[in-house]
Amino acid sequence: MNYAGIIMPTAFVLINTEIGSESDVLRELKKVEGAEESSAVYGVYDIVARVKANTMDKLKEIVTWRIRRLDKVRSTLTMIVVEDRE
């Protein structure tokens, strides 16, 4: 999504939770500013969240200080989206 013609930094955050706590973490993710979408998934990770922010620094802050510190989050893997600017 663009904000006044500027491409906003976006990341997908793969989250491992404590066993059986996916619903709790999903509920808490809804309260996190910038976490636009999140879903429980099957596989190596338990949740995938799409996060957007106005700046890369703000994006890093959201992932580091808000998502990674949620209760019952065991680990995360963050993938920064590379936008095609053609």
PDB file of N, CA and C in Angstrom:
ATOM      1  N   MET A   1       0.849  -1.175   0.000  1.00  0.00           N
ATOM      2  CA  MET A   1       0.000   0.000   0.000  1.00  0.00           C
ATOM      3  C   MET A   1       0.894   1.239   0.000  1.00  0.00           C
ATOM      4  N   ASN A   2       0.491   2.237  -0.743  1.00  0.00           N
ATOM      5  CA  ASN A   2       1.239   3.483  -0.803  1.00  0.00           C
ATOM      6  C   ASN A   2       0.602   4.529   0.086  1.00  0.00           C
ATOM      7  N   TYR A   3       1.413   5.372   0.656  1.00  0.00           N
ATOM      8  CA  TYR A   3       0.949   6.485   1.470  1.00  0.00           C
ATOM      9  C   TYR A   3       1.448   7.743   0.790  1.00  0.00           C
ATOM     10  N   ALA A   4       0.555   8.476   0.148  1.00  0.00           N
ATOM     11  CA  ALA A   4       0.902   9.694  -0.585  1.00  0.00           C
ATOM     12  C   ALA A   4       2.019   9.429  -1.595  1.00  0.00           C
ATOM     13  N   GLY A   5       1.946   8.287  -2.292  1.00  0.00           N
ATOM     14  CA  GLY A   5       2.923   7.968  -3.318  1.00  0.00           C
ATOM     15  C   GLY A   5       4.213   7.353  -2.802  1.00  0.00           C
ATOM     16  N   ILE A   6       4.333   7.162  -1.505  1.00  0.00           N
ATOM     17  CA  ILE A   6       5.544   6.589  -0.925  1.00  0.00           C
ATOM     18  C   ILE A   6       5.278   5.118  -0.611  1.00  0.00           C
ATOM     19  N   ILE A   7       6.200   4.257  -0.981  1.00  0.00           N
ATOM     20  CA  ILE A   7       6.055   2.841  -0.688  1.00  0.00           C
ATOM     21  C   ILE A   7       6.394   2.619   0.781  1.00  0.00           C
ATOM     22  N   MET A   8       5.437   2.048   1.501  1.00  0.00           N
ATOM     23  CA  MET A   8       5.631   1.811   2.932  1.00  0.00           C
ATOM     24  C   MET A   8       6.388   0.509   3.154  1.00  0.00           C
ATOM     25  N   PRO A   9       7.386   0.528   4.046  1.00  0.00           N
ATOM     26  CA  PRO A   9       8.088  -0.715   4.377  1.00  0.00           C
ATOM     27  C   PRO A   9       7.109  -1.769   4.892  1.00  0.00           C
ATOM     28  N   THR A  10       7.281  -2.985   4.397  1.00  0.00           N
ATOM     29  CA  THR A  10       6.397  -4.097   4.748  1.00  0.00           C
ATOM     30  C   THR A  10       7.243  -5.317   5.075  1.00  0.00           C
ATOM     31  N   ALA A  11       6.764  -6.112   6.018  1.00  0.00           N
ATOM     32  CA  ALA A  11       7.441  -7.369   6.350  1.00  0.00           C
ATOM     33  C   ALA A  11       6.410  -8.438   6.642  1.00  0.00           C
ATOM     34  N   PHE A  12       6.793  -9.670   6.386  1.00  0.00           N
ATOM     35  CA  PHE A  12       6.023 -10.813   6.837  1.00  0.00           C
ATOM     36  C   PHE A  12       6.782 -11.398   8.017  1.00  0.00           C
ATOM     37  N   VAL A  13       6.093 -11.605   9.116  1.00  0.00           N
ATOM     38  CA  VAL A  13       6.721 -12.130  10.325  1.00  0.00           C
ATOM     39  C   VAL A  13       6.147 -13.518  10.575  1.00  0.00           C
ATOM     40  N   LEU A  14       7.028 -14.519  10.567  1.00  0.00           N
ATOM     41  CA  LEU A  14       6.641 -15.900  10.865  1.00  0.00           C
ATOM     42  C   LEU A  14       6.867 -16.106  12.356  1.00  0.00           C
ATOM     43  N   ILE A  15       5.863 -16.609  13.043  1.00  0.00           N
ATOM     44  CA  ILE A  15       5.889 -16.665  14.500  1.00  0.00           C
ATOM     45  C   ILE A  15       5.686 -18.086  14.994  1.00  0.00           C
ATOM     46  N   ASN A  16       6.541 -18.522  15.920  1.00  0.00           N
ATOM     47  CA  ASN A  16       6.344 -19.758  16.660  1.00  0.00           C
ATOM     48  C   ASN A  16       5.805 -19.382  18.031  1.00  0.00           C
ATOM     49  N   THR A  17       4.750 -20.077  18.451  1.00  0.00           N
ATOM     50  CA  THR A  17       4.136 -19.805  19.749  1.00  0.00           C
ATOM     51  C   THR A  17       4.306 -21.013  20.668  1.00  0.00           C
ATOM     52  N   GLU A  18       4.000 -20.808  21.922  1.00  0.00           N
ATOM     53  CA  GLU A  18       3.913 -21.944  22.832  1.00  0.00           C
ATOM     54  C   GLU A  18       2.775 -22.835  22.346  1.00  0.00           C
ATOM     55  N   ILE A  19       2.874 -24.124  22.585  1.00  0.00           N
ATOM     56  CA  ILE A  19       1.877 -25.079  22.101  1.00  0.00           C
ATOM     57  C   ILE A  19       0.486 -24.700  22.603  1.00  0.00           C
ATOM     58  N   GLY A  20      -0.457 -24.622  21.654  1.00  0.00           N
ATOM     59  CA  GLY A  20      -1.847 -24.354  21.994  1.00  0.00           C
ATOM     60  C   GLY A  20      -2.191 -22.897  22.251  1.00  0.00           C
ATOM     61  N   SER A  21      -1.253 -21.981  22.025  1.00  0.00           N
ATOM     62  CA  SER A  21      -1.518 -20.570  22.348  1.00  0.00           C
ATOM     63  C   SER A  21      -1.694 -19.696  21.103  1.00  0.00           C
ATOM     64  N   GLU A  22      -1.909 -20.310  19.963  1.00  0.00           N
ATOM     65  CA  GLU A  22      -2.041 -19.542  18.728  1.00  0.00           C
ATOM     66  C   GLU A  22      -3.172 -18.513  18.805  1.00  0.00           C
ATOM     67  N   SER A  23      -4.308 -18.904  19.340  1.00  0.00           N
ATOM     68  CA  SER A  23      -5.448 -17.983  19.434  1.00  0.00           C
ATOM     69  C   SER A  23      -5.128 -16.784  20.317  1.00  0.00           C
ATOM     70  N   ASP A  24      -4.431 -17.015  21.422  1.00  0.00           N
ATOM     71  CA  ASP A  24      -4.052 -15.923  22.323  1.00  0.00           C
ATOM     72  C   ASP A  24      -3.127 -14.934  21.621  1.00  0.00           C
ATOM     73  N   VAL A  25      -2.149 -15.460  20.895  1.00  0.00           N
ATOM     74  CA  VAL A  25      -1.200 -14.589  20.196  1.00  0.00           C
ATOM     75  C   VAL A  25      -1.905 -13.837  19.070  1.00  0.00           C
ATOM     76  N   LEU A  26      -2.769 -14.502  18.328  1.00  0.00           N
ATOM     77  CA  LEU A  26      -3.530 -13.830  17.265  1.00  0.00           C
ATOM     78  C   LEU A  26      -4.363 -12.682  17.838  1.00  0.00           C
ATOM     79  N   ARG A  27      -4.969 -12.904  18.980  1.00  0.00           N
ATOM     80  CA  ARG A  27      -5.779 -11.864  19.626  1.00  0.00           C
ATOM     81  C   ARG A  27      -4.908 -10.656  20.011  1.00  0.00           C
ATOM     82  N   GLU A  28      -3.719 -10.920  20.521  1.00  0.00           N
ATOM     83  CA  GLU A  28      -2.805  -9.836  20.908  1.00  0.00           C
ATOM     84  C   GLU A  28      -2.238  -9.110  19.683  1.00  0.00           C
ATOM     85  N   LEU A  29      -2.018  -9.837  18.597  1.00  0.00           N
ATOM     86  CA  LEU A  29      -1.513  -9.220  17.368  1.00  0.00           C
ATOM     87  C   LEU A  29      -2.478  -8.175  16.822  1.00  0.00           C
ATOM     88  N   LYS A  30      -3.776  -8.399  17.010  1.00  0.00           N
ATOM     89  CA  LYS A  30      -4.769  -7.437  16.532  1.00  0.00           C
ATOM     90  C   LYS A  30      -4.614  -6.075  17.201  1.00  0.00           C
ATOM     91  N   LYS A  31      -3.978  -6.034  18.364  1.00  0.00           N
ATOM     92  CA  LYS A  31      -3.778  -4.794  19.113  1.00  0.00           C
ATOM     93  C   LYS A  31      -2.487  -4.077  18.713  1.00  0.00           C
ATOM     94  N   VAL A  32      -1.653  -4.725  17.936  1.00  0.00           N
ATOM     95  CA  VAL A  32      -0.344  -4.165  17.572  1.00  0.00           C
ATOM     96  C   VAL A  32      -0.493  -3.241  16.372  1.00  0.00           C
ATOM     97  N   GLU A  33      -0.127  -1.990  16.552  1.00  0.00           N
ATOM     98  CA  GLU A  33      -0.152  -1.011  15.471  1.00  0.00           C
ATOM     99  C   GLU A  33       0.758  -1.482  14.336  1.00  0.00           C
ATOM    100  N   GLY A  34       0.251  -1.473  13.126  1.00  0.00           N
ATOM    101  CA  GLY A  34       1.041  -1.876  11.966  1.00  0.00           C
ATOM    102  C   GLY A  34       0.867  -3.327  11.573  1.00  0.00           C
ATOM    103  N   ALA A  35       0.386  -4.166  12.493  1.00  0.00           N
ATOM    104  CA  ALA A  35       0.140  -5.572  12.162  1.00  0.00           C
ATOM    105  C   ALA A  35      -1.207  -5.622  11.451  1.00  0.00           C
ATOM    106  N   GLU A  36      -1.157  -5.548  10.124  1.00  0.00           N
ATOM    107  CA  GLU A  36      -2.370  -5.391   9.322  1.00  0.00           C
ATOM    108  C   GLU A  36      -3.157  -6.676   9.124  1.00  0.00           C
ATOM    109  N   GLU A  37      -2.461  -7.792   9.151  1.00  0.00           N
ATOM    110  CA  GLU A  37      -3.117  -9.065   8.853  1.00  0.00           C
ATOM    111  C   GLU A  37      -2.327 -10.168   9.537  1.00  0.00           C
ATOM    112  N   SER A  38      -3.017 -11.139  10.105  1.00  0.00           N
ATOM    113  CA  SER A  38      -2.324 -12.285  10.694  1.00  0.00           C
ATOM    114  C   SER A  38      -3.218 -13.517  10.592  1.00  0.00           C
ATOM    115  N   SER A  39      -2.573 -14.663  10.401  1.00  0.00           N
ATOM    116  CA  SER A  39      -3.310 -15.918  10.231  1.00  0.00           C
ATOM    117  C   SER A  39      -2.551 -17.053  10.889  1.00  0.00           C
ATOM    118  N   ALA A  40      -3.288 -17.991  11.477  1.00  0.00           N
ATOM    119  CA  ALA A  40      -2.693 -19.233  11.955  1.00  0.00           C
ATOM    120  C   ALA A  40      -2.426 -20.111  10.738  1.00  0.00           C
ATOM    121  N   VAL A  41      -1.295 -20.799  10.733  1.00  0.00           N
ATOM    122  CA  VAL A  41      -0.922 -21.644   9.601  1.00  0.00           C
ATOM    123  C   VAL A  41      -0.394 -22.980  10.117  1.00  0.00           C
ATOM    124  N   TYR A  42      -0.410 -23.993   9.242  1.00  0.00           N
ATOM    125  CA  TYR A  42       0.180 -25.289   9.551  1.00  0.00           C
ATOM    126  C   TYR A  42       1.597 -25.301   9.003  1.00  0.00           C
ATOM    127  N   GLY A  43       2.473 -25.997   9.681  1.00  0.00           N
ATOM    128  CA  GLY A  43       3.849 -26.126   9.205  1.00  0.00           C
ATOM    129  C   GLY A  43       4.834 -25.789  10.304  1.00  0.00           C
ATOM    130  N   VAL A  44       6.003 -25.355   9.893  1.00  0.00           N
ATOM    131  CA  VAL A  44       7.073 -25.052  10.840  1.00  0.00           C
ATOM    132  C   VAL A  44       6.698 -23.895  11.760  1.00  0.00           C
ATOM    133  N   TYR A  45       5.973 -22.921  11.231  1.00  0.00           N
ATOM    134  CA  TYR A  45       5.548 -21.759  12.018  1.00  0.00           C
ATOM    135  C   TYR A  45       4.066 -21.866  12.326  1.00  0.00           C
ATOM    136  N   ASP A  46       3.628 -21.151  13.353  1.00  0.00           N
ATOM    137  CA  ASP A  46       2.245 -21.211  13.805  1.00  0.00           C
ATOM    138  C   ASP A  46       1.391 -20.058  13.287  1.00  0.00           C
ATOM    139  N   ILE A  47       2.024 -18.901  13.070  1.00  0.00           N
ATOM    140  CA  ILE A  47       1.310 -17.691  12.658  1.00  0.00           C
ATOM    141  C   ILE A  47       2.139 -16.945  11.632  1.00  0.00           C
ATOM    142  N   VAL A  48       1.472 -16.352  10.648  1.00  0.00           N
ATOM    143  CA  VAL A  48       2.106 -15.438   9.706  1.00  0.00           C
ATOM    144  C   VAL A  48       1.405 -14.088   9.859  1.00  0.00           C
ATOM    145  N   ALA A  49       2.200 -13.025  10.037  1.00  0.00           N
ATOM    146  CA  ALA A  49       1.639 -11.678  10.170  1.00  0.00           C
ATOM    147  C   ALA A  49       2.262 -10.760   9.127  1.00  0.00           C
ATOM    148  N   ARG A  50       1.432  -9.881   8.551  1.00  0.00           N
ATOM    149  CA  ARG A  50       1.926  -8.858   7.622  1.00  0.00           C
ATOM    150  C   ARG A  50       1.957  -7.541   8.393  1.00  0.00           C
ATOM    151  N   VAL A  51       3.114  -6.909   8.376  1.00  0.00           N
ATOM    152  CA  VAL A  51       3.320  -5.686   9.155  1.00  0.00           C
ATOM    153  C   VAL A  51       3.769  -4.572   8.227  1.00  0.00           C
ATOM    154  N   LYS A  52       3.172  -3.378   8.404  1.00  0.00           N
ATOM    155  CA  LYS A  52       3.555  -2.200   7.628  1.00  0.00           C
ATOM    156  C   LYS A  52       3.814  -1.041   8.571  1.00  0.00           C
ATOM    157  N   ALA A  53       4.704  -0.144   8.130  1.00  0.00           N
ATOM    158  CA  ALA A  53       5.014   1.045   8.922  1.00  0.00           C
ATOM    159  C   ALA A  53       5.430   2.168   7.977  1.00  0.00           C
ATOM    160  N   ASN A  54       5.469   3.379   8.500  1.00  0.00           N
ATOM    161  CA  ASN A  54       5.851   4.537   7.680  1.00  0.00           C
ATOM    162  C   ASN A  54       7.330   4.552   7.347  1.00  0.00           C
ATOM    163  N   THR A  55       8.163   3.997   8.235  1.00  0.00           N
ATOM    164  CA  THR A  55       9.608   3.976   8.014  1.00  0.00           C
ATOM    165  C   THR A  55      10.159   2.598   8.351  1.00  0.00           C
ATOM    166  N   MET A  56      11.342   2.318   7.868  1.00  0.00           N
ATOM    167  CA  MET A  56      11.992   1.048   8.187  1.00  0.00           C
ATOM    168  C   MET A  56      12.308   0.969   9.683  1.00  0.00           C
ATOM    169  N   ASP A  57      12.706   2.099  10.279  1.00  0.00           N
ATOM    170  CA  ASP A  57      12.975   2.106  11.716  1.00  0.00           C
ATOM    171  C   ASP A  57      11.728   1.765  12.523  1.00  0.00           C
ATOM    172  N   LYS A  58      10.588   2.301  12.123  1.00  0.00           N
ATOM    173  CA  LYS A  58       9.328   2.010  12.814  1.00  0.00           C
ATOM    174  C   LYS A  58       8.953   0.540  12.631  1.00  0.00           C
ATOM    175  N   LEU A  59       9.189   0.002  11.443  1.00  0.00           N
ATOM    176  CA  LEU A  59       8.916  -1.407  11.185  1.00  0.00           C
ATOM    177  C   LEU A  59       9.749  -2.285  12.109  1.00  0.00           C
ATOM    178  N   LYS A  60      11.040  -1.985  12.212  1.00  0.00           N
ATOM    179  CA  LYS A  60      11.928  -2.743  13.099  1.00  0.00           C
ATOM    180  C   LYS A  60      11.474  -2.632  14.546  1.00  0.00           C
ATOM    181  N   GLU A  61      11.031  -1.449  14.937  1.00  0.00           N
ATOM    182  CA  GLU A  61      10.550  -1.233  16.308  1.00  0.00           C
ATOM    183  C   GLU A  61       9.312  -2.092  16.602  1.00  0.00           C
ATOM    184  N   ILE A  62       8.374  -2.133  15.672  1.00  0.00           N
ATOM    185  CA  ILE A  62       7.160  -2.930  15.854  1.00  0.00           C
ATOM    186  C   ILE A  62       7.505  -4.407  16.031  1.00  0.00           C
ATOM    187  N   VAL A  63       8.382  -4.913  15.159  1.00  0.00           N
ATOM    188  CA  VAL A  63       8.735  -6.335  15.230  1.00  0.00           C
ATOM    189  C   VAL A  63       9.511  -6.633  16.508  1.00  0.00           C
ATOM    190  N   THR A  64      10.512  -5.818  16.807  1.00  0.00           N
ATOM    191  CA  THR A  64      11.396  -6.083  17.942  1.00  0.00           C
ATOM    192  C   THR A  64      10.731  -5.852  19.287  1.00  0.00           C
ATOM    193  N   TRP A  65      10.055  -4.737  19.428  1.00  0.00           N
ATOM    194  CA  TRP A  65       9.547  -4.339  20.744  1.00  0.00           C
ATOM    195  C   TRP A  65       8.095  -4.684  20.986  1.00  0.00           C
ATOM    196  N   ARG A  66       7.323  -4.979  19.936  1.00  0.00           N
ATOM    197  CA  ARG A  66       5.906  -5.300  20.142  1.00  0.00           C
ATOM    198  C   ARG A  66       5.625  -6.778  19.864  1.00  0.00           C
ATOM    199  N   ILE A  67       5.966  -7.257  18.693  1.00  0.00           N
ATOM    200  CA  ILE A  67       5.603  -8.623  18.329  1.00  0.00           C
ATOM    201  C   ILE A  67       6.470  -9.655  19.052  1.00  0.00           C
ATOM    202  N   ARG A  68       7.779  -9.473  19.022  1.00  0.00           N
ATOM    203  CA  ARG A  68       8.672 -10.462  19.642  1.00  0.00           C
ATOM    204  C   ARG A  68       8.493 -10.555  21.145  1.00  0.00           C
ATOM    205  N   ARG A  69       7.958  -9.508  21.749  1.00  0.00           N
ATOM    206  CA  ARG A  69       7.786  -9.497  23.202  1.00  0.00           C
ATOM    207  C   ARG A  69       6.378  -9.878  23.653  1.00  0.00           C
ATOM    208  N   LEU A  70       5.530 -10.277  22.721  1.00  0.00           N
ATOM    209  CA  LEU A  70       4.205 -10.751  23.109  1.00  0.00           C
ATOM    210  C   LEU A  70       4.336 -12.015  23.956  1.00  0.00           C
ATOM    211  N   ASP A  71       3.478 -12.109  24.960  1.00  0.00           N
ATOM    212  CA  ASP A  71       3.458 -13.297  25.800  1.00  0.00           C
ATOM    213  C   ASP A  71       3.159 -14.511  24.930  1.00  0.00           C
ATOM    214  N   LYS A  72       3.857 -15.585  25.144  1.00  0.00           N
ATOM    215  CA  LYS A  72       3.677 -16.876  24.469  1.00  0.00           C
ATOM    216  C   LYS A  72       4.281 -16.934  23.065  1.00  0.00           C
ATOM    217  N   VAL A  73       5.014 -15.895  22.636  1.00  0.00           N
ATOM    218  CA  VAL A  73       5.778 -15.964  21.388  1.00  0.00           C
ATOM    219  C   VAL A  73       7.137 -16.564  21.725  1.00  0.00           C
ATOM    220  N   ARG A  74       7.475 -17.668  21.070  1.00  0.00           N
ATOM    221  CA  ARG A  74       8.749 -18.346  21.331  1.00  0.00           C
ATOM    222  C   ARG A  74       9.856 -17.854  20.408  1.00  0.00           C
ATOM    223  N   SER A  75       9.521 -17.640  19.120  1.00  0.00           N
ATOM    224  CA  SER A  75      10.532 -17.169  18.169  1.00  0.00           C
ATOM    225  C   SER A  75       9.842 -16.557  16.963  1.00  0.00           C
ATOM    226  N   THR A  76      10.616 -15.762  16.215  1.00  0.00           N
ATOM    227  CA  THR A  76      10.090 -15.150  14.993  1.00  0.00           C
ATOM    228  C   THR A  76      11.140 -15.217  13.892  1.00  0.00           C
ATOM    229  N   LEU A  77      10.671 -15.103  12.669  1.00  0.00           N
ATOM    230  CA  LEU A  77      11.527 -14.938  11.503  1.00  0.00           C
ATOM    231  C   LEU A  77      10.893 -13.827  10.681  1.00  0.00           C
ATOM    232  N   THR A  78      11.640 -12.768  10.439  1.00  0.00           N
ATOM    233  CA  THR A  78      11.099 -11.608   9.730  1.00  0.00           C
ATOM    234  C   THR A  78      11.658 -11.562   8.314  1.00  0.00           C
ATOM    235  N   MET A  79      10.744 -11.394   7.358  1.00  0.00           N
ATOM    236  CA  MET A  79      11.131 -11.267   5.953  1.00  0.00           C
ATOM    237  C   MET A  79      10.664  -9.908   5.450  1.00  0.00           C
ATOM    238  N   ILE A  80      11.628  -9.047   5.141  1.00  0.00           N
ATOM    239  CA  ILE A  80      11.330  -7.712   4.637  1.00  0.00           C
ATOM    240  C   ILE A  80      10.966  -7.822   3.159  1.00  0.00           C
ATOM    241  N   VAL A  81       9.862  -7.200   2.761  1.00  0.00           N
ATOM    242  CA  VAL A  81       9.412  -7.244   1.374  1.00  0.00           C
ATOM    243  C   VAL A  81      10.278  -6.321   0.515  1.00  0.00           C
ATOM    244  N   VAL A  82      10.715  -6.844  -0.625  1.00  0.00           N
ATOM    245  CA  VAL A  82      11.457  -6.041  -1.595  1.00  0.00           C
ATOM    246  C   VAL A  82      10.462  -5.623  -2.669  1.00  0.00           C
ATOM    247  N   GLU A  83      10.193  -4.350  -2.746  1.00  0.00           N
ATOM    248  CA  GLU A  83       9.215  -3.839  -3.715  1.00  0.00           C
ATOM    249  C   GLU A  83       9.852  -3.698  -5.095  1.00  0.00           C
ATOM    250  N   ASP A  84       9.114  -4.056  -6.122  1.00  0.00           N
ATOM    251  CA  ASP A  84       9.534  -3.843  -7.492  1.00  0.00           C
ATOM    252  C   ASP A  84       9.170  -2.397  -7.856  1.00  0.00           C
ATOM    253  N   ARG A  85      10.148  -1.561  -8.126  1.00  0.00           N
ATOM    254  CA  ARG A  85       9.903  -0.136  -8.328  1.00  0.00           C
ATOM    255  C   ARG A  85       9.886   0.257  -9.798  1.00  0.00           C
ATOM    256  N   GLU A  86       9.664  -0.684 -10.681  1.00  0.00           N
ATOM    257  CA  GLU A  86       9.615  -0.372 -12.114  1.00  0.00           C
ATOM    258  C   GLU A  86       8.343   0.310 -12.483  1.00  0.00           C
TER     259      GLU A  86
END
